[in-house]
Amino acid sequence: SFSRALRHLCNCWSSQSLPSATMRATRSRAASLVVLALCLVALRTAWLAFVSPSLPRSLSTPGGDAERGDVAMRFKREIEVKKMSKEEANKKLGVSRWPTWGCGVSKFDWAYSGTETAYILEGEVTVTPTGDWADVPPADIEAGDLATFPDGMTCIWDVKKPINKHYNFS
């Protein structure tokens, strides 16, 4: 284990029984390993300090305590849903120039091979991420919503009212 090796190196550091050239080489290696270990600890601490504040406090770690601020580290993007009038969507994004797609009430699996932005013209759907994306919350999407689905996401579409949408992949 790492701690056993570090203890051995520290013992070598203080050992007077080694020849001086060997002792200097061992001390040099031991010092390098100690510095490396300290750098890794500092890097991990800095990373956690940077990432943890940006995560919602409600995401508790298994066995963790959300009240204390323990958080699960989720790196998958969520489905973004924004209410937007058709006029605003056209002005900002030109959605009326995008192709359209629609389907009736149904339930099916889907996998995204690109980031999709969709403006929902009519209908209602719940999109539930699956597989590696299962920790991402489901999104309820309806007419008048602008939704962005992340590249690579797998999910189940549960269409509750027939959908008609403009869509664009980037």
N, C-alpha and C. Protein backbone atom coordinates (compact mmCIF):
# COMPACT_ATOMS: atom_id res chain seq x y z
N SER A 1 0.84 -1.19 0.00
CA SER A 1 0.00 0.00 0.00
C SER A 1 0.88 1.25 0.00
N PHE A 2 0.27 2.37 -0.31
CA PHE A 2 1.00 3.62 -0.40
C PHE A 2 1.59 4.02 0.95
N SER A 3 0.79 3.86 2.03
CA SER A 3 1.29 4.27 3.35
C SER A 3 2.46 3.40 3.80
N ARG A 4 2.42 2.09 3.48
CA ARG A 4 3.53 1.21 3.83
C ARG A 4 4.79 1.62 3.09
N ALA A 5 4.66 1.92 1.80
CA ALA A 5 5.81 2.34 1.00
C ALA A 5 6.37 3.66 1.51
N LEU A 6 5.48 4.58 1.89
CA LEU A 6 5.92 5.87 2.42
C LEU A 6 6.66 5.69 3.74
N ARG A 7 6.13 4.80 4.61
CA ARG A 7 6.80 4.50 5.88
C ARG A 7 8.20 3.92 5.63
N HIS A 8 8.29 2.99 4.66
CA HIS A 8 9.58 2.38 4.31
C HIS A 8 10.56 3.46 3.83
N LEU A 9 10.09 4.35 3.00
CA LEU A 9 10.97 5.40 2.49
C LEU A 9 11.42 6.33 3.61
N CYS A 10 10.50 6.64 4.53
CA CYS A 10 10.87 7.49 5.66
C CYS A 10 11.89 6.78 6.55
N ASN A 11 11.75 5.47 6.73
CA ASN A 11 12.74 4.71 7.51
C ASN A 11 14.09 4.75 6.81
N CYS A 12 14.07 4.63 5.48
CA CYS A 12 15.33 4.70 4.72
C CYS A 12 15.96 6.08 4.87
N TRP A 13 15.13 7.10 4.94
CA TRP A 13 15.59 8.48 5.05
C TRP A 13 16.43 8.64 6.31
N SER A 14 15.92 8.04 7.40
CA SER A 14 16.62 8.22 8.67
C SER A 14 17.69 7.14 8.93
N SER A 15 17.75 6.16 8.07
CA SER A 15 18.69 5.06 8.27
C SER A 15 20.13 5.53 8.06
N GLN A 16 20.98 5.17 9.00
CA GLN A 16 22.40 5.53 8.87
C GLN A 16 23.22 4.34 8.35
N SER A 17 22.55 3.17 8.14
CA SER A 17 23.29 1.98 7.75
C SER A 17 23.53 1.90 6.24
N LEU A 18 22.87 2.73 5.46
CA LEU A 18 23.07 2.69 4.01
C LEU A 18 24.33 3.48 3.63
N PRO A 19 25.02 3.06 2.59
CA PRO A 19 26.15 3.86 2.10
C PRO A 19 25.63 5.24 1.70
N SER A 20 26.47 6.24 1.77
CA SER A 20 26.04 7.63 1.57
C SER A 20 25.45 7.88 0.19
N ALA A 21 25.98 7.32 -0.90
CA ALA A 21 25.43 7.54 -2.24
C ALA A 21 24.04 6.91 -2.34
N THR A 22 23.88 5.73 -1.79
CA THR A 22 22.58 5.05 -1.82
C THR A 22 21.59 5.82 -0.96
N MET A 23 22.04 6.30 0.19
CA MET A 23 21.17 7.04 1.07
C MET A 23 20.70 8.33 0.40
N ARG A 24 21.60 9.03 -0.28
CA ARG A 24 21.21 10.28 -0.97
C ARG A 24 20.18 9.99 -2.06
N ALA A 25 20.37 8.91 -2.82
CA ALA A 25 19.43 8.55 -3.89
C ALA A 25 18.07 8.18 -3.31
N THR A 26 18.08 7.42 -2.21
CA THR A 26 16.83 7.01 -1.57
C THR A 26 16.10 8.22 -1.01
N ARG A 27 16.85 9.12 -0.36
CA ARG A 27 16.24 10.34 0.19
C ARG A 27 15.65 11.19 -0.92
N SER A 28 16.33 11.27 -2.04
CA SER A 28 15.85 12.06 -3.17
C SER A 28 14.54 11.47 -3.72
N ARG A 29 14.51 10.14 -3.87
CA ARG A 29 13.27 9.49 -4.35
C ARG A 29 12.15 9.67 -3.33
N ALA A 30 12.47 9.51 -2.06
CA ALA A 30 11.46 9.64 -1.01
C ALA A 30 10.90 11.07 -1.00
N ALA A 31 11.77 12.04 -1.12
CA ALA A 31 11.33 13.44 -1.14
C ALA A 31 10.42 13.70 -2.34
N SER A 32 10.79 13.13 -3.49
CA SER A 32 9.97 13.31 -4.69
C SER A 32 8.59 12.71 -4.51
N LEU A 33 8.52 11.52 -3.90
CA LEU A 33 7.23 10.87 -3.67
C LEU A 33 6.38 11.64 -2.66
N VAL A 34 7.01 12.17 -1.64
CA VAL A 34 6.27 12.95 -0.64
C VAL A 34 5.71 14.21 -1.29
N VAL A 35 6.51 14.89 -2.09
CA VAL A 35 6.05 16.10 -2.79
C VAL A 35 4.90 15.75 -3.74
N LEU A 36 5.03 14.65 -4.47
CA LEU A 36 3.97 14.21 -5.38
C LEU A 36 2.68 13.93 -4.61
N ALA A 37 2.78 13.23 -3.48
CA ALA A 37 1.59 12.92 -2.67
C ALA A 37 0.93 14.21 -2.18
N LEU A 38 1.72 15.17 -1.72
CA LEU A 38 1.17 16.44 -1.25
C LEU A 38 0.51 17.21 -2.38
N CYS A 39 1.10 17.18 -3.57
CA CYS A 39 0.51 17.86 -4.73
C CYS A 39 -0.83 17.23 -5.10
N LEU A 40 -0.92 15.90 -5.06
CA LEU A 40 -2.18 15.23 -5.37
C LEU A 40 -3.27 15.57 -4.37
N VAL A 41 -2.92 15.63 -3.09
CA VAL A 41 -3.89 16.00 -2.06
C VAL A 41 -4.35 17.44 -2.28
N ALA A 42 -3.42 18.33 -2.57
CA ALA A 42 -3.77 19.74 -2.81
C ALA A 42 -4.65 19.88 -4.05
N LEU A 43 -4.35 19.15 -5.10
CA LEU A 43 -5.14 19.19 -6.33
C LEU A 43 -6.56 18.69 -6.08
N ARG A 44 -6.70 17.59 -5.34
CA ARG A 44 -8.03 17.05 -5.03
C ARG A 44 -8.82 18.05 -4.19
N THR A 45 -8.19 18.65 -3.21
CA THR A 45 -8.86 19.63 -2.35
C THR A 45 -9.32 20.84 -3.17
N ALA A 46 -8.45 21.33 -4.05
CA ALA A 46 -8.81 22.47 -4.89
C ALA A 46 -9.96 22.13 -5.82
N TRP A 47 -9.93 20.92 -6.42
CA TRP A 47 -10.99 20.49 -7.33
C TRP A 47 -12.32 20.42 -6.58
N LEU A 48 -12.34 19.82 -5.40
CA LEU A 48 -13.58 19.71 -4.63
C LEU A 48 -14.09 21.08 -4.21
N ALA A 49 -13.20 21.98 -3.86
CA ALA A 49 -13.61 23.33 -3.49
C ALA A 49 -14.21 24.07 -4.68
N PHE A 50 -13.71 23.79 -5.87
CA PHE A 50 -14.21 24.43 -7.09
C PHE A 50 -15.55 23.84 -7.52
N VAL A 51 -15.69 22.50 -7.48
CA VAL A 51 -16.88 21.83 -8.01
C VAL A 51 -18.02 21.84 -7.01
N SER A 52 -17.77 21.56 -5.74
CA SER A 52 -18.85 21.38 -4.77
C SER A 52 -19.80 22.57 -4.65
N PRO A 53 -19.32 23.82 -4.62
CA PRO A 53 -20.28 24.93 -4.48
C PRO A 53 -21.23 25.06 -5.66
N SER A 54 -20.84 24.57 -6.84
CA SER A 54 -21.70 24.72 -8.01
C SER A 54 -22.75 23.63 -8.11
N LEU A 55 -22.68 22.62 -7.25
CA LEU A 55 -23.66 21.54 -7.30
C LEU A 55 -24.79 21.81 -6.32
N PRO A 56 -26.01 21.40 -6.67
CA PRO A 56 -27.14 21.61 -5.75
C PRO A 56 -26.92 20.89 -4.43
N ARG A 57 -27.30 21.53 -3.33
CA ARG A 57 -27.14 20.91 -2.01
C ARG A 57 -28.03 19.70 -1.84
N SER A 58 -29.09 19.58 -2.63
CA SER A 58 -30.03 18.48 -2.47
C SER A 58 -29.49 17.14 -2.97
N LEU A 59 -28.37 17.15 -3.68
CA LEU A 59 -27.81 15.91 -4.19
C LEU A 59 -26.91 15.29 -3.13
N SER A 60 -27.46 14.45 -2.29
CA SER A 60 -26.63 13.90 -1.23
C SER A 60 -25.90 12.66 -1.72
N THR A 61 -24.74 12.44 -1.14
CA THR A 61 -23.97 11.24 -1.46
C THR A 61 -24.62 10.06 -0.76
N PRO A 62 -24.39 8.83 -1.27
CA PRO A 62 -24.94 7.67 -0.58
C PRO A 62 -24.45 7.66 0.86
N GLY A 63 -25.40 7.67 1.79
CA GLY A 63 -25.04 7.69 3.20
C GLY A 63 -24.63 9.07 3.67
N GLY A 64 -24.66 10.06 2.77
CA GLY A 64 -24.27 11.42 3.12
C GLY A 64 -25.42 12.18 3.73
N ASP A 65 -25.18 13.42 4.08
CA ASP A 65 -26.17 14.24 4.74
C ASP A 65 -26.30 15.55 3.99
N ALA A 66 -27.41 15.73 3.28
CA ALA A 66 -27.62 16.95 2.50
C ALA A 66 -27.64 18.17 3.40
N GLU A 67 -28.08 18.01 4.66
CA GLU A 67 -28.09 19.13 5.60
C GLU A 67 -26.67 19.65 5.84
N ARG A 68 -25.70 18.74 5.84
CA ARG A 68 -24.30 19.11 6.05
C ARG A 68 -23.68 19.67 4.78
N GLY A 69 -24.36 19.49 3.64
CA GLY A 69 -23.82 19.98 2.38
C GLY A 69 -23.06 18.93 1.58
N ASP A 70 -23.12 17.64 2.00
CA ASP A 70 -22.49 16.59 1.19
C ASP A 70 -23.22 16.53 -0.14
N VAL A 71 -22.49 16.41 -1.23
CA VAL A 71 -23.13 16.37 -2.54
C VAL A 71 -22.57 15.24 -3.37
N ALA A 72 -23.41 14.71 -4.26
CA ALA A 72 -22.95 13.73 -5.24
C ALA A 72 -22.36 14.53 -6.39
N MET A 73 -21.32 14.02 -7.01
CA MET A 73 -20.69 14.74 -8.11
C MET A 73 -21.28 14.23 -9.42
N ARG A 74 -22.13 15.05 -10.02
CA ARG A 74 -22.77 14.70 -11.27
C ARG A 74 -22.16 15.58 -12.36
N PHE A 75 -21.71 14.95 -13.44
CA PHE A 75 -21.08 15.70 -14.50
C PHE A 75 -21.89 15.67 -15.79
N LYS A 76 -23.05 15.03 -15.79
CA LYS A 76 -23.91 14.99 -16.96
C LYS A 76 -24.78 16.24 -16.97
N ARG A 77 -24.92 16.83 -18.17
CA ARG A 77 -25.78 18.00 -18.30
C ARG A 77 -27.24 17.58 -18.20
N GLU A 78 -28.05 18.44 -17.59
CA GLU A 78 -29.47 18.20 -17.49
C GLU A 78 -30.17 18.65 -18.76
N ILE A 79 -31.39 18.19 -18.96
CA ILE A 79 -32.23 18.68 -20.04
C ILE A 79 -32.65 20.09 -19.63
N GLU A 80 -32.39 21.05 -20.50
CA GLU A 80 -32.76 22.44 -20.19
C GLU A 80 -34.11 22.74 -20.82
N VAL A 81 -35.01 23.30 -20.02
CA VAL A 81 -36.35 23.64 -20.51
C VAL A 81 -36.65 25.09 -20.11
N LYS A 82 -37.01 25.91 -21.13
CA LYS A 82 -37.36 27.32 -20.88
C LYS A 82 -38.66 27.63 -21.58
N LYS A 83 -39.55 28.32 -20.87
CA LYS A 83 -40.77 28.82 -21.50
C LYS A 83 -40.37 29.96 -22.44
N MET A 84 -40.95 29.95 -23.64
CA MET A 84 -40.61 30.99 -24.61
C MET A 84 -41.75 31.09 -25.63
N SER A 85 -42.14 32.32 -25.94
CA SER A 85 -43.17 32.50 -26.97
C SER A 85 -42.57 32.15 -28.33
N LYS A 86 -43.45 31.79 -29.26
CA LYS A 86 -42.99 31.45 -30.60
C LYS A 86 -42.30 32.65 -31.24
N GLU A 87 -42.81 33.84 -31.00
CA GLU A 87 -42.21 35.07 -31.55
C GLU A 87 -40.79 35.26 -31.02
N GLU A 88 -40.60 35.07 -29.71
CA GLU A 88 -39.27 35.21 -29.11
C GLU A 88 -38.32 34.14 -29.64
N ALA A 89 -38.81 32.89 -29.77
CA ALA A 89 -37.98 31.79 -30.28
C ALA A 89 -37.56 32.06 -31.72
N ASN A 90 -38.47 32.64 -32.51
CA ASN A 90 -38.13 32.99 -33.89
C ASN A 90 -37.11 34.12 -33.93
N LYS A 91 -37.32 35.12 -33.10
CA LYS A 91 -36.41 36.28 -33.08
C LYS A 91 -35.00 35.88 -32.64
N LYS A 92 -34.91 35.07 -31.57
CA LYS A 92 -33.60 34.69 -31.01
C LYS A 92 -32.92 33.58 -31.81
N LEU A 93 -33.70 32.59 -32.29
CA LEU A 93 -33.10 31.39 -32.87
C LEU A 93 -33.56 31.07 -34.30
N GLY A 94 -34.60 31.73 -34.76
CA GLY A 94 -35.11 31.44 -36.10
C GLY A 94 -35.72 30.05 -36.20
N VAL A 95 -36.47 29.63 -35.16
CA VAL A 95 -36.97 28.26 -35.11
C VAL A 95 -37.91 27.91 -36.27
N SER A 96 -38.60 28.90 -36.84
CA SER A 96 -39.53 28.59 -37.93
C SER A 96 -38.81 28.08 -39.17
N ARG A 97 -37.49 28.32 -39.26
CA ARG A 97 -36.69 27.80 -40.39
C ARG A 97 -36.20 26.38 -40.13
N TRP A 98 -36.35 25.87 -38.90
CA TRP A 98 -35.92 24.52 -38.56
C TRP A 98 -36.93 23.51 -39.07
N PRO A 99 -36.49 22.26 -39.30
CA PRO A 99 -37.45 21.22 -39.69
C PRO A 99 -38.41 20.91 -38.55
N THR A 100 -39.51 20.24 -38.88
CA THR A 100 -40.47 19.84 -37.85
C THR A 100 -40.54 18.32 -37.76
N TRP A 101 -40.99 17.86 -36.62
CA TRP A 101 -41.19 16.44 -36.37
C TRP A 101 -42.36 16.31 -35.40
N GLY A 102 -43.08 15.24 -35.51
CA GLY A 102 -44.17 15.01 -34.60
C GLY A 102 -44.48 13.54 -34.45
N CYS A 103 -45.21 13.21 -33.39
CA CYS A 103 -45.67 11.83 -33.19
C CYS A 103 -46.88 11.86 -32.27
N GLY A 104 -47.64 10.77 -32.31
CA GLY A 104 -48.82 10.64 -31.46
C GLY A 104 -48.45 10.16 -30.07
N VAL A 105 -49.45 9.93 -29.25
CA VAL A 105 -49.24 9.42 -27.90
C VAL A 105 -48.51 8.08 -28.01
N SER A 106 -47.37 7.99 -27.34
CA SER A 106 -46.54 6.78 -27.42
C SER A 106 -45.46 6.84 -26.34
N LYS A 107 -44.71 5.75 -26.26
CA LYS A 107 -43.59 5.67 -25.32
C LYS A 107 -42.48 4.93 -26.04
N PHE A 108 -41.26 5.54 -26.10
CA PHE A 108 -40.17 4.91 -26.84
C PHE A 108 -38.81 5.33 -26.29
N ASP A 109 -37.80 4.49 -26.54
CA ASP A 109 -36.41 4.80 -26.18
C ASP A 109 -35.82 5.70 -27.24
N TRP A 110 -34.88 6.57 -26.82
CA TRP A 110 -34.20 7.46 -27.76
C TRP A 110 -32.77 7.68 -27.29
N ALA A 111 -31.86 7.87 -28.25
CA ALA A 111 -30.45 8.19 -27.94
C ALA A 111 -30.06 9.38 -28.81
N TYR A 112 -29.46 10.39 -28.21
CA TYR A 112 -29.06 11.60 -28.93
C TYR A 112 -27.63 11.47 -29.43
N SER A 113 -27.45 11.75 -30.71
CA SER A 113 -26.09 11.75 -31.29
C SER A 113 -25.80 13.17 -31.77
N GLY A 114 -25.88 14.08 -30.86
CA GLY A 114 -25.69 15.51 -31.10
C GLY A 114 -26.59 16.24 -30.12
N THR A 115 -26.29 17.50 -29.86
CA THR A 115 -27.13 18.30 -28.98
C THR A 115 -28.32 18.78 -29.78
N GLU A 116 -29.53 18.48 -29.30
CA GLU A 116 -30.74 18.92 -29.99
C GLU A 116 -31.40 20.05 -29.22
N THR A 117 -31.78 21.10 -29.94
CA THR A 117 -32.61 22.15 -29.39
C THR A 117 -33.96 22.03 -30.09
N ALA A 118 -35.02 22.02 -29.31
CA ALA A 118 -36.36 21.83 -29.88
C ALA A 118 -37.31 22.88 -29.32
N TYR A 119 -38.16 23.42 -30.21
CA TYR A 119 -39.23 24.30 -29.76
C TYR A 119 -40.53 23.54 -29.93
N ILE A 120 -41.26 23.34 -28.82
CA ILE A 120 -42.47 22.53 -28.84
C ILE A 120 -43.65 23.40 -29.26
N LEU A 121 -44.25 23.03 -30.40
CA LEU A 121 -45.39 23.76 -30.94
C LEU A 121 -46.69 23.32 -30.27
N GLU A 122 -46.81 22.00 -30.07
CA GLU A 122 -47.99 21.46 -29.39
C GLU A 122 -47.64 20.12 -28.77
N GLY A 123 -48.43 19.76 -27.74
CA GLY A 123 -48.25 18.47 -27.12
C GLY A 123 -47.61 18.54 -25.74
N GLU A 124 -47.36 17.33 -25.23
CA GLU A 124 -46.82 17.20 -23.87
C GLU A 124 -46.05 15.89 -23.78
N VAL A 125 -44.85 15.92 -23.18
CA VAL A 125 -44.00 14.74 -23.08
C VAL A 125 -43.19 14.80 -21.78
N THR A 126 -42.92 13.63 -21.22
CA THR A 126 -41.96 13.52 -20.13
C THR A 126 -40.77 12.75 -20.69
N VAL A 127 -39.58 13.35 -20.59
CA VAL A 127 -38.36 12.71 -21.07
C VAL A 127 -37.56 12.28 -19.83
N THR A 128 -37.34 10.97 -19.71
CA THR A 128 -36.65 10.40 -18.55
C THR A 128 -35.31 9.82 -18.99
N PRO A 129 -34.19 10.43 -18.56
CA PRO A 129 -32.87 9.90 -18.91
C PRO A 129 -32.66 8.49 -18.36
N THR A 130 -31.91 7.66 -19.11
CA THR A 130 -31.66 6.27 -18.73
C THR A 130 -30.18 5.95 -18.83
N GLY A 131 -29.82 4.71 -18.44
CA GLY A 131 -28.44 4.25 -18.56
C GLY A 131 -27.48 5.12 -17.76
N ASP A 132 -26.38 5.54 -18.39
CA ASP A 132 -25.39 6.40 -17.72
C ASP A 132 -25.97 7.75 -17.33
N TRP A 133 -27.12 8.08 -17.86
CA TRP A 133 -27.75 9.38 -17.61
C TRP A 133 -28.86 9.28 -16.56
N ALA A 134 -29.04 8.11 -15.95
CA ALA A 134 -30.16 7.87 -15.05
C ALA A 134 -30.19 8.80 -13.83
N ASP A 135 -29.07 9.40 -13.45
CA ASP A 135 -29.08 10.31 -12.29
C ASP A 135 -29.53 11.72 -12.67
N VAL A 136 -29.76 11.97 -13.96
CA VAL A 136 -30.26 13.27 -14.42
C VAL A 136 -31.78 13.25 -14.26
N PRO A 137 -32.36 14.31 -13.69
CA PRO A 137 -33.81 14.30 -13.46
C PRO A 137 -34.62 14.33 -14.76
N PRO A 138 -35.81 13.72 -14.74
CA PRO A 138 -36.70 13.77 -15.91
C PRO A 138 -37.15 15.20 -16.15
N ALA A 139 -37.60 15.46 -17.38
CA ALA A 139 -38.09 16.80 -17.73
C ALA A 139 -39.50 16.68 -18.31
N ASP A 140 -40.41 17.49 -17.79
CA ASP A 140 -41.76 17.60 -18.35
C ASP A 140 -41.73 18.77 -19.33
N ILE A 141 -42.10 18.49 -20.58
CA ILE A 141 -41.99 19.48 -21.64
C ILE A 141 -43.35 19.60 -22.31
N GLU A 142 -43.75 20.85 -22.62
CA GLU A 142 -45.06 21.09 -23.23
C GLU A 142 -44.98 22.23 -24.24
N ALA A 143 -46.09 22.47 -24.91
CA ALA A 143 -46.17 23.53 -25.92
C ALA A 143 -45.66 24.84 -25.33
N GLY A 144 -44.84 25.55 -26.11
CA GLY A 144 -44.28 26.82 -25.66
C GLY A 144 -42.95 26.68 -24.94
N ASP A 145 -42.41 25.46 -24.87
CA ASP A 145 -41.11 25.24 -24.22
C ASP A 145 -40.01 25.14 -25.27
N LEU A 146 -38.85 25.69 -24.93
CA LEU A 146 -37.63 25.49 -25.70
C LEU A 146 -36.80 24.51 -24.87
N ALA A 147 -36.51 23.35 -25.43
CA ALA A 147 -35.80 22.30 -24.70
C ALA A 147 -34.47 22.00 -25.40
N THR A 148 -33.44 21.77 -24.60
CA THR A 148 -32.13 21.38 -25.12
C THR A 148 -31.76 20.04 -24.51
N PHE A 149 -31.50 19.06 -25.40
CA PHE A 149 -31.15 17.71 -24.99
C PHE A 149 -29.66 17.49 -25.24
N PRO A 150 -28.89 17.08 -24.22
CA PRO A 150 -27.44 16.94 -24.37
C PRO A 150 -27.01 15.80 -25.29
N ASP A 151 -25.91 16.02 -25.97
CA ASP A 151 -25.31 15.02 -26.85
C ASP A 151 -24.99 13.76 -26.05
N GLY A 152 -25.34 12.60 -26.60
CA GLY A 152 -25.01 11.32 -25.98
C GLY A 152 -26.04 10.80 -25.01
N MET A 153 -27.02 11.63 -24.65
CA MET A 153 -28.01 11.21 -23.67
C MET A 153 -28.90 10.08 -24.22
N THR A 154 -29.18 9.09 -23.37
CA THR A 154 -30.17 8.07 -23.68
C THR A 154 -31.36 8.33 -22.77
N CYS A 155 -32.57 8.04 -23.28
CA CYS A 155 -33.75 8.40 -22.51
C CYS A 155 -34.98 7.65 -23.01
N ILE A 156 -36.06 7.83 -22.28
CA ILE A 156 -37.37 7.33 -22.69
C ILE A 156 -38.26 8.54 -22.88
N TRP A 157 -38.89 8.61 -24.05
CA TRP A 157 -39.88 9.63 -24.33
C TRP A 157 -41.25 9.04 -24.01
N ASP A 158 -41.99 9.68 -23.11
CA ASP A 158 -43.35 9.28 -22.78
C ASP A 158 -44.27 10.41 -23.25
N VAL A 159 -44.76 10.27 -24.48
CA VAL A 159 -45.59 11.31 -25.11
C VAL A 159 -47.01 11.17 -24.59
N LYS A 160 -47.49 12.18 -23.85
CA LYS A 160 -48.81 12.13 -23.21
C LYS A 160 -49.88 12.79 -24.07
N LYS A 161 -49.49 13.81 -24.85
CA LYS A 161 -50.36 14.46 -25.83
C LYS A 161 -49.55 14.56 -27.10
N PRO A 162 -50.14 14.33 -28.28
CA PRO A 162 -49.37 14.34 -29.53
C PRO A 162 -48.45 15.55 -29.64
N ILE A 163 -47.20 15.27 -30.04
CA ILE A 163 -46.13 16.28 -30.10
C ILE A 163 -45.94 16.77 -31.53
N ASN A 164 -45.69 18.07 -31.64
CA ASN A 164 -45.23 18.66 -32.89
C ASN A 164 -44.16 19.67 -32.47
N LYS A 165 -42.99 19.58 -33.08
CA LYS A 165 -41.88 20.43 -32.66
C LYS A 165 -41.03 20.85 -33.84
N HIS A 166 -40.36 22.00 -33.69
CA HIS A 166 -39.24 22.39 -34.55
C HIS A 166 -37.99 21.89 -33.85
N TYR A 167 -36.99 21.43 -34.58
CA TYR A 167 -35.78 20.92 -33.95
C TYR A 167 -34.54 21.30 -34.75
N ASN A 168 -33.42 21.34 -34.05
CA ASN A 168 -32.14 21.67 -34.67
C ASN A 168 -31.03 20.94 -33.91
N PHE A 169 -30.12 20.29 -34.65
CA PHE A 169 -28.98 19.61 -34.02
C PHE A 169 -27.72 20.44 -34.20
N SER A 170 -26.92 20.47 -33.16
CA SER A 170 -25.62 21.17 -33.23
C SER A 170 -24.51 20.28 -32.72
